[in-house]
Amino acid sequence: MQTMGWVQWVTWGTGVVVFAAVIGLVIRGVLRAAKRPPEQPSAAARVAREAQLSPELQAQLAALNQRKDHGDISEAEYERQRAALLAAR
């Protein structure tokens, strides 16, 4: 039985380090994506950009839109809350 030489140890160690780095980058990407506010549909995002709304207000509007899409609130309640958010800006 042969033992591994120093070249094989360096090759093996490099592979382990690269693998760990890739796994770390994937985990970091997942964690960063989880912190982002919900995405708005493209038309809503365009209107928000043109109105130069703050990122906080955009996130609130996106969350409100998701509640409407999931059926948590009615269309009329959505419009009322949306108008209140925009009026408070």
N, C-alpha and C. Protein backbone atom coordinates (compact mmCIF):
# COMPACT_ATOMS: atom_id res chain seq x y z
N MET A 1 0.83 -1.16 0.00
CA MET A 1 0.00 0.00 0.00
C MET A 1 0.89 1.24 0.00
N GLN A 2 0.52 2.18 -0.88
CA GLN A 2 1.30 3.41 -1.00
C GLN A 2 0.63 4.53 -0.23
N THR A 3 1.44 5.42 0.31
CA THR A 3 0.87 6.59 0.98
C THR A 3 0.84 7.74 0.00
N MET A 4 0.03 8.72 0.30
CA MET A 4 -0.07 9.87 -0.59
C MET A 4 1.14 10.76 -0.41
N GLY A 5 1.64 11.26 -1.53
CA GLY A 5 2.76 12.19 -1.51
C GLY A 5 2.25 13.61 -1.27
N TRP A 6 3.17 14.54 -1.18
CA TRP A 6 2.79 15.92 -0.88
C TRP A 6 1.98 16.55 -2.00
N VAL A 7 2.21 16.17 -3.25
CA VAL A 7 1.45 16.73 -4.38
C VAL A 7 -0.01 16.28 -4.29
N GLN A 8 -0.21 15.02 -3.96
CA GLN A 8 -1.58 14.53 -3.81
C GLN A 8 -2.30 15.21 -2.64
N TRP A 9 -1.58 15.46 -1.53
CA TRP A 9 -2.18 16.15 -0.39
C TRP A 9 -2.56 17.58 -0.76
N VAL A 10 -1.70 18.26 -1.49
CA VAL A 10 -1.99 19.64 -1.92
C VAL A 10 -3.20 19.64 -2.85
N THR A 11 -3.25 18.70 -3.78
CA THR A 11 -4.37 18.60 -4.71
C THR A 11 -5.66 18.32 -3.95
N TRP A 12 -5.62 17.38 -3.03
CA TRP A 12 -6.81 17.02 -2.24
C TRP A 12 -7.25 18.21 -1.40
N GLY A 13 -6.30 18.87 -0.73
CA GLY A 13 -6.62 20.02 0.12
C GLY A 13 -7.21 21.18 -0.68
N THR A 14 -6.67 21.44 -1.86
CA THR A 14 -7.20 22.49 -2.72
C THR A 14 -8.64 22.19 -3.12
N GLY A 15 -8.90 20.94 -3.46
CA GLY A 15 -10.26 20.55 -3.83
C GLY A 15 -11.24 20.74 -2.70
N VAL A 16 -10.84 20.38 -1.50
CA VAL A 16 -11.71 20.54 -0.33
C VAL A 16 -11.97 22.01 -0.07
N VAL A 17 -10.96 22.85 -0.17
CA VAL A 17 -11.12 24.29 0.08
C VAL A 17 -12.03 24.91 -0.98
N VAL A 18 -11.84 24.56 -2.24
CA VAL A 18 -12.69 25.09 -3.31
C VAL A 18 -14.14 24.64 -3.11
N PHE A 19 -14.35 23.39 -2.77
CA PHE A 19 -15.69 22.88 -2.53
C PHE A 19 -16.36 23.63 -1.38
N ALA A 20 -15.62 23.84 -0.30
CA ALA A 20 -16.17 24.56 0.85
C ALA A 20 -16.50 26.01 0.48
N ALA A 21 -15.67 26.64 -0.35
CA ALA A 21 -15.93 28.02 -0.77
C ALA A 21 -17.20 28.10 -1.62
N VAL A 22 -17.38 27.15 -2.52
CA VAL A 22 -18.59 27.14 -3.36
C VAL A 22 -19.83 26.95 -2.50
N ILE A 23 -19.79 26.03 -1.56
CA ILE A 23 -20.92 25.80 -0.66
C ILE A 23 -21.19 27.06 0.17
N GLY A 24 -20.16 27.71 0.65
CA GLY A 24 -20.32 28.95 1.42
C GLY A 24 -20.96 30.05 0.59
N LEU A 25 -20.55 30.19 -0.67
CA LEU A 25 -21.13 31.21 -1.54
C LEU A 25 -22.61 30.92 -1.83
N VAL A 26 -22.95 29.67 -2.01
CA VAL A 26 -24.35 29.31 -2.24
C VAL A 26 -25.19 29.64 -1.01
N ILE A 27 -24.71 29.31 0.17
CA ILE A 27 -25.43 29.61 1.41
C ILE A 27 -25.59 31.12 1.58
N ARG A 28 -24.54 31.87 1.32
CA ARG A 28 -24.61 33.33 1.43
C ARG A 28 -25.63 33.90 0.46
N GLY A 29 -25.67 33.38 -0.76
CA GLY A 29 -26.66 33.83 -1.74
C GLY A 29 -28.08 33.54 -1.32
N VAL A 30 -28.30 32.37 -0.75
CA VAL A 30 -29.64 32.01 -0.28
C VAL A 30 -30.06 32.93 0.86
N LEU A 31 -29.17 33.20 1.79
CA LEU A 31 -29.50 34.07 2.92
C LEU A 31 -29.77 35.51 2.47
N ARG A 32 -29.00 35.99 1.51
CA ARG A 32 -29.22 37.35 1.01
C ARG A 32 -30.54 37.44 0.25
N ALA A 33 -30.89 36.40 -0.50
CA ALA A 33 -32.14 36.40 -1.24
C ALA A 33 -33.33 36.36 -0.29
N ALA A 34 -33.17 35.70 0.84
CA ALA A 34 -34.27 35.62 1.80
C ALA A 34 -34.55 36.97 2.46
N LYS A 35 -33.57 37.85 2.50
CA LYS A 35 -33.74 39.15 3.14
C LYS A 35 -34.36 40.19 2.21
N ARG A 36 -34.41 39.93 0.92
CA ARG A 36 -34.95 40.91 -0.02
C ARG A 36 -36.46 41.04 0.13
N PRO A 37 -36.99 42.24 -0.12
CA PRO A 37 -38.45 42.38 -0.08
C PRO A 37 -39.08 41.64 -1.27
N PRO A 38 -40.36 41.32 -1.16
CA PRO A 38 -41.01 40.61 -2.26
C PRO A 38 -40.94 41.43 -3.55
N GLU A 39 -40.78 40.74 -4.66
CA GLU A 39 -40.71 41.43 -5.94
C GLU A 39 -42.09 41.86 -6.39
N GLN A 40 -42.13 43.03 -7.02
CA GLN A 40 -43.39 43.52 -7.56
C GLN A 40 -43.52 43.05 -9.00
N PRO A 41 -44.75 42.93 -9.49
CA PRO A 41 -44.90 42.68 -10.93
C PRO A 41 -44.25 43.82 -11.71
N SER A 42 -43.86 43.56 -12.92
CA SER A 42 -43.05 44.54 -13.67
C SER A 42 -43.77 45.87 -13.86
N ALA A 43 -45.07 45.88 -14.09
CA ALA A 43 -45.77 47.15 -14.28
C ALA A 43 -45.75 47.96 -12.98
N ALA A 44 -45.94 47.31 -11.85
CA ALA A 44 -45.90 48.01 -10.57
C ALA A 44 -44.50 48.53 -10.28
N ALA A 45 -43.50 47.76 -10.64
CA ALA A 45 -42.12 48.22 -10.42
C ALA A 45 -41.82 49.44 -11.29
N ARG A 46 -42.29 49.43 -12.52
CA ARG A 46 -42.07 50.56 -13.43
C ARG A 46 -42.74 51.81 -12.88
N VAL A 47 -43.99 51.69 -12.43
CA VAL A 47 -44.71 52.83 -11.87
C VAL A 47 -43.99 53.35 -10.63
N ALA A 48 -43.53 52.43 -9.79
CA ALA A 48 -42.82 52.83 -8.58
C ALA A 48 -41.52 53.56 -8.91
N ARG A 49 -40.81 53.08 -9.93
CA ARG A 49 -39.57 53.77 -10.32
C ARG A 49 -39.87 55.16 -10.86
N GLU A 50 -40.92 55.27 -11.68
CA GLU A 50 -41.25 56.57 -12.24
C GLU A 50 -41.72 57.54 -11.17
N ALA A 51 -42.39 57.04 -10.14
CA ALA A 51 -42.86 57.89 -9.05
C ALA A 51 -41.76 58.15 -8.04
N GLN A 52 -40.63 57.51 -8.18
CA GLN A 52 -39.48 57.64 -7.28
C GLN A 52 -39.89 57.39 -5.83
N LEU A 53 -40.54 56.24 -5.61
CA LEU A 53 -40.96 55.85 -4.27
C LEU A 53 -39.77 55.30 -3.50
N SER A 54 -39.81 55.48 -2.20
CA SER A 54 -38.73 54.96 -1.37
C SER A 54 -38.77 53.43 -1.37
N PRO A 55 -37.63 52.78 -1.14
CA PRO A 55 -37.61 51.31 -1.11
C PRO A 55 -38.53 50.73 -0.04
N GLU A 56 -38.67 51.43 1.09
CA GLU A 56 -39.56 50.95 2.14
C GLU A 56 -41.01 50.95 1.68
N LEU A 57 -41.42 52.03 1.01
CA LEU A 57 -42.78 52.13 0.51
C LEU A 57 -43.02 51.10 -0.59
N GLN A 58 -42.03 50.88 -1.43
CA GLN A 58 -42.15 49.86 -2.48
C GLN A 58 -42.34 48.49 -1.86
N ALA A 59 -41.60 48.21 -0.79
CA ALA A 59 -41.73 46.91 -0.13
C ALA A 59 -43.12 46.77 0.49
N GLN A 60 -43.64 47.85 1.09
CA GLN A 60 -44.97 47.79 1.67
C GLN A 60 -46.04 47.56 0.59
N LEU A 61 -45.89 48.24 -0.54
CA LEU A 61 -46.84 48.06 -1.64
C LEU A 61 -46.76 46.65 -2.20
N ALA A 62 -45.56 46.12 -2.30
CA ALA A 62 -45.39 44.75 -2.81
C ALA A 62 -46.03 43.74 -1.86
N ALA A 63 -45.83 43.94 -0.56
CA ALA A 63 -46.44 43.03 0.42
C ALA A 63 -47.96 43.13 0.37
N LEU A 64 -48.48 44.33 0.21
CA LEU A 64 -49.92 44.52 0.09
C LEU A 64 -50.46 43.83 -1.16
N ASN A 65 -49.71 43.94 -2.25
CA ASN A 65 -50.12 43.28 -3.50
C ASN A 65 -50.12 41.76 -3.34
N GLN A 66 -49.15 41.23 -2.62
CA GLN A 66 -49.11 39.78 -2.39
C GLN A 66 -50.30 39.34 -1.54
N ARG A 67 -50.66 40.14 -0.54
CA ARG A 67 -51.83 39.79 0.29
C ARG A 67 -53.09 39.74 -0.57
N LYS A 68 -53.20 40.69 -1.51
CA LYS A 68 -54.35 40.69 -2.41
C LYS A 68 -54.32 39.47 -3.33
N ASP A 69 -53.16 39.15 -3.86
CA ASP A 69 -53.02 38.00 -4.76
C ASP A 69 -53.32 36.69 -4.07
N HIS A 70 -53.00 36.60 -2.78
CA HIS A 70 -53.25 35.37 -2.02
C HIS A 70 -54.68 35.29 -1.51
N GLY A 71 -55.46 36.36 -1.71
CA GLY A 71 -56.85 36.34 -1.29
C GLY A 71 -57.05 36.73 0.16
N ASP A 72 -56.03 37.28 0.80
CA ASP A 72 -56.15 37.68 2.20
C ASP A 72 -57.03 38.93 2.36
N ILE A 73 -56.99 39.82 1.34
CA ILE A 73 -57.81 41.03 1.37
C ILE A 73 -58.52 41.16 0.04
N SER A 74 -59.62 41.90 0.03
CA SER A 74 -60.40 42.09 -1.19
C SER A 74 -59.74 43.17 -2.06
N GLU A 75 -60.21 43.26 -3.29
CA GLU A 75 -59.68 44.27 -4.21
C GLU A 75 -59.97 45.68 -3.67
N ALA A 76 -61.15 45.88 -3.13
CA ALA A 76 -61.52 47.20 -2.59
C ALA A 76 -60.64 47.56 -1.38
N GLU A 77 -60.40 46.58 -0.51
CA GLU A 77 -59.54 46.82 0.66
C GLU A 77 -58.11 47.10 0.20
N TYR A 78 -57.66 46.39 -0.82
CA TYR A 78 -56.33 46.63 -1.39
C TYR A 78 -56.21 48.07 -1.89
N GLU A 79 -57.20 48.52 -2.65
CA GLU A 79 -57.17 49.87 -3.19
C GLU A 79 -57.19 50.91 -2.07
N ARG A 80 -57.99 50.67 -1.02
CA ARG A 80 -58.07 51.60 0.10
C ARG A 80 -56.74 51.70 0.83
N GLN A 81 -56.13 50.53 1.11
CA GLN A 81 -54.84 50.53 1.82
C GLN A 81 -53.72 51.10 0.96
N ARG A 82 -53.77 50.82 -0.34
CA ARG A 82 -52.75 51.35 -1.26
C ARG A 82 -52.84 52.87 -1.31
N ALA A 83 -54.07 53.41 -1.41
CA ALA A 83 -54.25 54.85 -1.43
C ALA A 83 -53.76 55.47 -0.13
N ALA A 84 -54.01 54.80 0.99
CA ALA A 84 -53.55 55.33 2.27
C ALA A 84 -52.03 55.35 2.34
N LEU A 85 -51.40 54.31 1.84
CA LEU A 85 -49.92 54.28 1.86
C LEU A 85 -49.35 55.38 0.98
N LEU A 86 -49.94 55.57 -0.20
CA LEU A 86 -49.41 56.59 -1.12
C LEU A 86 -49.71 58.00 -0.61
N ALA A 87 -50.84 58.18 0.08
CA ALA A 87 -51.16 59.49 0.63
C ALA A 87 -50.23 59.85 1.79
N ALA A 88 -49.79 58.85 2.53
CA ALA A 88 -48.91 59.08 3.68
C ALA A 88 -47.47 59.36 3.26
N ARG A 89 -47.15 59.13 2.03
CA ARG A 89 -45.77 59.29 1.56
C ARG A 89 -45.45 60.71 1.56
